[in-house]
């Protein structure tokens, strides 16, 4: 259990830019820590889910961040995903739509 906790904090320090914190109050710090924990859990789950593929969560997030879209008044058009993006989405059971309605 201790090793798991140390690995989470190592992930925070090296990948999540947890330190240095520029917070001015305890509530802000607690909120930042909560978001950091949630993002670490999501990262670890995605990394575990991608176990059968040839890349890890870092590579998947780097690839998926290149998805672009155009926003219009009534809809959002999403650029067609690459084969790699489609493989990631299929493996994670995520649907990548080509269009979304706008509901502002």
N, C-alpha and C. Protein backbone atom coordinates (compact mmCIF):
# COMPACT_ATOMS: atom_id res chain seq x y z
N UNK A 1 0.83 -1.19 0.00
CA UNK A 1 0.00 0.00 0.00
C UNK A 1 0.87 1.26 0.00
N UNK A 2 1.93 1.25 0.79
CA UNK A 2 2.80 2.41 0.85
C UNK A 2 3.46 2.67 -0.50
N UNK A 3 3.86 1.61 -1.18
CA UNK A 3 4.50 1.76 -2.48
C UNK A 3 3.53 2.39 -3.49
N UNK A 4 2.27 1.98 -3.44
CA UNK A 4 1.27 2.56 -4.35
C UNK A 4 1.11 4.05 -4.10
N UNK A 5 1.06 4.45 -2.83
CA UNK A 5 0.91 5.86 -2.49
C UNK A 5 2.13 6.65 -2.94
N UNK A 6 3.32 6.09 -2.74
CA UNK A 6 4.55 6.77 -3.17
C UNK A 6 4.59 6.91 -4.68
N UNK A 7 4.07 5.92 -5.41
CA UNK A 7 4.04 6.01 -6.87
C UNK A 7 3.08 7.11 -7.32
N UNK A 8 1.95 7.27 -6.62
CA UNK A 8 1.00 8.33 -6.97
C UNK A 8 1.66 9.69 -6.77
N UNK A 9 2.35 9.89 -5.64
CA UNK A 9 3.00 11.17 -5.41
C UNK A 9 4.15 11.39 -6.38
N UNK A 10 4.85 10.33 -6.76
CA UNK A 10 5.90 10.45 -7.77
C UNK A 10 5.29 10.90 -9.10
N UNK A 11 4.14 10.34 -9.45
CA UNK A 11 3.44 10.74 -10.66
C UNK A 11 3.04 12.21 -10.58
N UNK A 12 2.56 12.64 -9.41
CA UNK A 12 2.20 14.04 -9.22
C UNK A 12 3.38 14.96 -9.47
N UNK A 13 4.50 14.63 -8.84
CA UNK A 13 5.65 15.52 -8.91
C UNK A 13 6.25 15.56 -10.32
N UNK A 14 6.27 14.43 -11.01
CA UNK A 14 6.95 14.36 -12.29
C UNK A 14 6.05 14.65 -13.49
N UNK A 15 4.78 14.28 -13.43
CA UNK A 15 3.90 14.41 -14.60
C UNK A 15 2.78 15.42 -14.44
N UNK A 16 2.32 15.63 -13.23
CA UNK A 16 1.14 16.47 -13.05
C UNK A 16 1.46 17.90 -12.65
N UNK A 17 2.75 18.24 -12.53
CA UNK A 17 3.15 19.59 -12.14
C UNK A 17 2.44 20.06 -10.87
N UNK A 18 2.40 19.18 -9.87
CA UNK A 18 1.74 19.51 -8.62
C UNK A 18 2.52 20.56 -7.84
N UNK A 19 3.84 20.50 -7.93
CA UNK A 19 4.67 21.44 -7.19
C UNK A 19 5.42 22.34 -8.16
N UNK A 20 5.62 23.58 -7.91
CA UNK A 20 5.18 24.32 -6.73
C UNK A 20 3.73 24.78 -6.87
N UNK A 21 3.06 24.80 -5.75
CA UNK A 21 1.67 25.27 -5.73
C UNK A 21 1.66 26.76 -5.50
N UNK A 22 0.87 27.45 -6.26
CA UNK A 22 0.74 28.89 -6.07
C UNK A 22 -0.69 29.18 -5.61
N UNK A 23 -1.02 28.65 -4.46
CA UNK A 23 -2.35 28.84 -3.90
C UNK A 23 -2.27 29.80 -2.73
N UNK A 24 -3.35 30.52 -2.49
CA UNK A 24 -3.35 31.54 -1.45
C UNK A 24 -4.22 31.17 -0.26
N UNK A 25 -4.83 30.03 -0.29
CA UNK A 25 -5.67 29.64 0.84
C UNK A 25 -5.82 28.14 0.92
N UNK A 26 -6.30 27.70 2.05
CA UNK A 26 -6.45 26.26 2.26
C UNK A 26 -7.52 25.67 1.34
N UNK A 27 -8.61 26.41 1.12
CA UNK A 27 -9.67 25.90 0.24
C UNK A 27 -9.16 25.72 -1.19
N UNK A 28 -8.37 26.66 -1.66
CA UNK A 28 -7.79 26.56 -3.00
C UNK A 28 -6.86 25.36 -3.09
N UNK A 29 -6.04 25.18 -2.06
CA UNK A 29 -5.14 24.03 -2.03
C UNK A 29 -5.92 22.72 -2.04
N UNK A 30 -6.96 22.63 -1.23
CA UNK A 30 -7.77 21.40 -1.18
C UNK A 30 -8.43 21.13 -2.53
N UNK A 31 -8.92 22.18 -3.18
CA UNK A 31 -9.52 22.00 -4.50
C UNK A 31 -8.51 21.53 -5.53
N UNK A 32 -7.32 22.13 -5.49
CA UNK A 32 -6.26 21.72 -6.40
C UNK A 32 -5.85 20.27 -6.15
N UNK A 33 -5.74 19.90 -4.90
CA UNK A 33 -5.37 18.53 -4.55
C UNK A 33 -6.44 17.54 -4.99
N UNK A 34 -7.71 17.91 -4.82
CA UNK A 34 -8.81 17.03 -5.25
C UNK A 34 -8.78 16.82 -6.76
N UNK A 35 -8.59 17.90 -7.53
CA UNK A 35 -8.51 17.77 -8.98
C UNK A 35 -7.30 16.95 -9.39
N UNK A 36 -6.21 17.11 -8.68
CA UNK A 36 -5.00 16.33 -8.98
C UNK A 36 -5.23 14.85 -8.73
N UNK A 37 -5.89 14.52 -7.62
CA UNK A 37 -6.19 13.12 -7.34
C UNK A 37 -7.12 12.53 -8.40
N UNK A 38 -8.16 13.28 -8.78
CA UNK A 38 -9.09 12.78 -9.79
C UNK A 38 -8.40 12.58 -11.13
N UNK A 39 -7.54 13.52 -11.51
CA UNK A 39 -6.84 13.37 -12.79
C UNK A 39 -5.85 12.21 -12.74
N UNK A 40 -5.24 11.97 -11.59
CA UNK A 40 -4.33 10.83 -11.46
C UNK A 40 -5.09 9.52 -11.56
N UNK A 41 -6.25 9.45 -10.95
CA UNK A 41 -7.07 8.24 -11.05
C UNK A 41 -7.46 8.00 -12.50
N UNK A 42 -7.91 9.05 -13.19
CA UNK A 42 -8.28 8.92 -14.61
C UNK A 42 -7.09 8.47 -15.44
N UNK A 43 -5.93 9.07 -15.20
CA UNK A 43 -4.70 8.72 -15.93
C UNK A 43 -4.36 7.24 -15.71
N UNK A 44 -4.42 6.80 -14.46
CA UNK A 44 -4.06 5.40 -14.16
C UNK A 44 -5.06 4.43 -14.77
N UNK A 45 -6.35 4.77 -14.76
CA UNK A 45 -7.35 3.90 -15.36
C UNK A 45 -7.17 3.81 -16.88
N UNK A 46 -6.89 4.95 -17.52
CA UNK A 46 -6.67 4.93 -18.97
C UNK A 46 -5.41 4.13 -19.29
N UNK A 47 -4.38 4.32 -18.50
CA UNK A 47 -3.13 3.59 -18.72
C UNK A 47 -3.35 2.08 -18.58
N UNK A 48 -4.14 1.71 -17.59
CA UNK A 48 -4.44 0.28 -17.37
C UNK A 48 -5.31 -0.27 -18.51
N UNK A 49 -6.24 0.55 -19.00
CA UNK A 49 -7.11 0.12 -20.09
C UNK A 49 -6.37 -0.05 -21.40
N UNK A 50 -5.29 0.70 -21.59
CA UNK A 50 -4.51 0.63 -22.82
C UNK A 50 -3.42 -0.42 -22.76
N UNK A 51 -3.52 -1.33 -21.83
CA UNK A 51 -2.47 -2.32 -21.59
C UNK A 51 -2.17 -3.16 -22.82
N UNK A 52 -3.17 -3.48 -23.64
CA UNK A 52 -2.96 -4.32 -24.80
C UNK A 52 -2.44 -3.59 -26.02
N UNK A 53 -2.41 -2.27 -26.00
CA UNK A 53 -1.96 -1.49 -27.15
C UNK A 53 -0.49 -1.16 -27.02
N UNK A 54 0.07 -0.61 -28.10
CA UNK A 54 1.51 -0.35 -28.13
C UNK A 54 1.89 1.01 -27.57
N UNK A 55 0.96 1.75 -26.97
CA UNK A 55 1.29 3.04 -26.36
C UNK A 55 0.59 3.18 -25.02
N UNK A 56 1.06 4.12 -24.22
CA UNK A 56 0.53 4.32 -22.87
C UNK A 56 -0.42 5.52 -22.87
N UNK A 57 -0.87 5.90 -21.69
CA UNK A 57 -1.81 7.01 -21.57
C UNK A 57 -1.21 8.31 -22.07
N UNK A 58 0.08 8.55 -21.83
CA UNK A 58 0.72 9.78 -22.33
C UNK A 58 0.60 9.89 -23.84
N UNK A 59 0.92 8.81 -24.53
CA UNK A 59 0.83 8.80 -25.99
C UNK A 59 -0.60 8.94 -26.47
N UNK A 60 -1.53 8.31 -25.77
CA UNK A 60 -2.94 8.41 -26.16
C UNK A 60 -3.45 9.83 -26.00
N UNK A 61 -3.15 10.45 -24.85
CA UNK A 61 -3.60 11.83 -24.64
C UNK A 61 -2.94 12.78 -25.62
N UNK A 62 -1.66 12.55 -25.93
CA UNK A 62 -0.96 13.40 -26.89
C UNK A 62 -1.59 13.28 -28.27
N UNK A 63 -1.98 12.08 -28.65
CA UNK A 63 -2.60 11.88 -29.95
C UNK A 63 -4.01 12.47 -29.98
N UNK A 64 -4.79 12.23 -28.93
CA UNK A 64 -6.16 12.71 -28.91
C UNK A 64 -6.27 14.23 -28.77
N UNK A 65 -5.23 14.88 -28.25
CA UNK A 65 -5.31 16.33 -28.13
C UNK A 65 -5.22 17.02 -29.49
N UNK A 66 -4.87 16.28 -30.52
CA UNK A 66 -4.80 16.85 -31.87
C UNK A 66 -6.13 16.84 -32.59
N UNK A 67 -7.17 16.30 -31.97
CA UNK A 67 -8.50 16.37 -32.57
C UNK A 67 -8.95 17.83 -32.57
N UNK A 68 -9.34 18.32 -33.70
CA UNK A 68 -9.75 19.72 -33.85
C UNK A 68 -11.22 19.79 -34.20
N UNK A 69 -11.81 20.96 -34.00
CA UNK A 69 -13.22 21.14 -34.35
C UNK A 69 -13.45 22.57 -34.82
N UNK A 70 -14.55 22.76 -35.53
CA UNK A 70 -15.00 24.08 -35.95
C UNK A 70 -16.35 24.32 -35.30
N UNK A 71 -16.48 25.46 -34.65
CA UNK A 71 -17.71 25.77 -33.93
C UNK A 71 -18.54 26.75 -34.75
N UNK A 72 -19.78 26.37 -35.03
CA UNK A 72 -20.73 27.22 -35.73
C UNK A 72 -21.85 27.58 -34.77
N UNK A 73 -22.78 28.41 -35.21
CA UNK A 73 -23.88 28.83 -34.34
C UNK A 73 -24.76 27.67 -33.89
N UNK A 74 -24.97 26.71 -34.79
CA UNK A 74 -25.92 25.63 -34.49
C UNK A 74 -25.29 24.26 -34.30
N UNK A 75 -23.98 24.12 -34.54
CA UNK A 75 -23.36 22.81 -34.43
C UNK A 75 -21.84 22.93 -34.31
N UNK A 76 -21.25 21.84 -33.93
CA UNK A 76 -19.79 21.74 -33.84
C UNK A 76 -19.37 20.59 -34.74
N UNK A 77 -18.52 20.89 -35.72
CA UNK A 77 -18.00 19.85 -36.61
C UNK A 77 -16.63 19.42 -36.12
N UNK A 78 -16.46 18.13 -35.93
CA UNK A 78 -15.21 17.58 -35.42
C UNK A 78 -14.45 16.94 -36.57
N UNK A 79 -13.15 17.26 -36.63
CA UNK A 79 -12.29 16.71 -37.67
C UNK A 79 -12.27 15.19 -37.55
N UNK A 80 -12.21 14.53 -38.69
CA UNK A 80 -12.17 13.07 -38.68
C UNK A 80 -10.91 12.59 -37.96
N UNK A 81 -11.10 11.62 -37.10
CA UNK A 81 -9.99 11.10 -36.30
C UNK A 81 -9.06 10.23 -37.14
N UNK A 82 -7.81 10.19 -36.73
CA UNK A 82 -6.83 9.34 -37.41
C UNK A 82 -7.05 7.87 -37.02
N UNK A 83 -6.37 6.97 -37.70
CA UNK A 83 -6.49 5.55 -37.39
C UNK A 83 -6.05 5.29 -35.95
N UNK A 84 -4.98 5.95 -35.53
CA UNK A 84 -4.48 5.78 -34.16
C UNK A 84 -5.53 6.26 -33.15
N UNK A 85 -6.14 7.42 -33.41
CA UNK A 85 -7.18 7.94 -32.52
C UNK A 85 -8.38 6.99 -32.47
N UNK A 86 -8.76 6.45 -33.63
CA UNK A 86 -9.87 5.50 -33.66
C UNK A 86 -9.54 4.22 -32.89
N UNK A 87 -8.30 3.75 -32.99
CA UNK A 87 -7.90 2.56 -32.23
C UNK A 87 -7.97 2.81 -30.73
N UNK A 88 -7.51 3.98 -30.31
CA UNK A 88 -7.56 4.34 -28.89
C UNK A 88 -9.00 4.39 -28.42
N UNK A 89 -9.85 5.09 -29.17
CA UNK A 89 -11.26 5.23 -28.80
C UNK A 89 -11.96 3.88 -28.76
N UNK A 90 -11.68 3.03 -29.72
CA UNK A 90 -12.29 1.70 -29.75
C UNK A 90 -11.86 0.88 -28.54
N UNK A 91 -10.59 0.95 -28.21
CA UNK A 91 -10.06 0.19 -27.07
C UNK A 91 -10.63 0.70 -25.74
N UNK A 92 -10.86 2.02 -25.63
CA UNK A 92 -11.41 2.61 -24.42
C UNK A 92 -12.93 2.66 -24.42
N UNK A 93 -13.54 2.19 -25.52
CA UNK A 93 -15.00 2.20 -25.68
C UNK A 93 -15.57 3.62 -25.62
N UNK A 94 -14.90 4.52 -26.35
CA UNK A 94 -15.33 5.92 -26.44
C UNK A 94 -15.81 6.17 -27.86
N UNK A 95 -16.95 6.85 -27.99
CA UNK A 95 -17.46 7.20 -29.31
C UNK A 95 -16.90 8.56 -29.71
N UNK A 96 -16.34 8.64 -30.89
CA UNK A 96 -15.83 9.90 -31.42
C UNK A 96 -16.79 10.38 -32.52
N UNK A 97 -17.73 11.26 -32.16
CA UNK A 97 -18.71 11.73 -33.15
C UNK A 97 -18.07 12.69 -34.13
N UNK A 98 -18.71 12.88 -35.27
CA UNK A 98 -18.23 13.84 -36.27
C UNK A 98 -18.94 15.19 -36.13
N UNK A 99 -20.04 15.20 -35.39
CA UNK A 99 -20.80 16.44 -35.22
C UNK A 99 -21.50 16.44 -33.88
N UNK A 100 -21.56 17.61 -33.26
CA UNK A 100 -22.26 17.78 -31.98
C UNK A 100 -23.21 18.97 -32.09
N UNK A 101 -24.39 18.88 -31.46
CA UNK A 101 -25.27 20.05 -31.46
C UNK A 101 -24.76 21.08 -30.44
N UNK A 102 -25.04 22.34 -30.70
CA UNK A 102 -24.66 23.40 -29.78
C UNK A 102 -25.88 23.73 -28.93
N UNK A 103 -25.70 23.74 -27.63
CA UNK A 103 -26.81 24.09 -26.74
C UNK A 103 -26.32 25.09 -25.71
N UNK A 104 -26.12 26.33 -26.16
CA UNK A 104 -25.69 27.39 -25.24
C UNK A 104 -26.87 28.04 -24.61
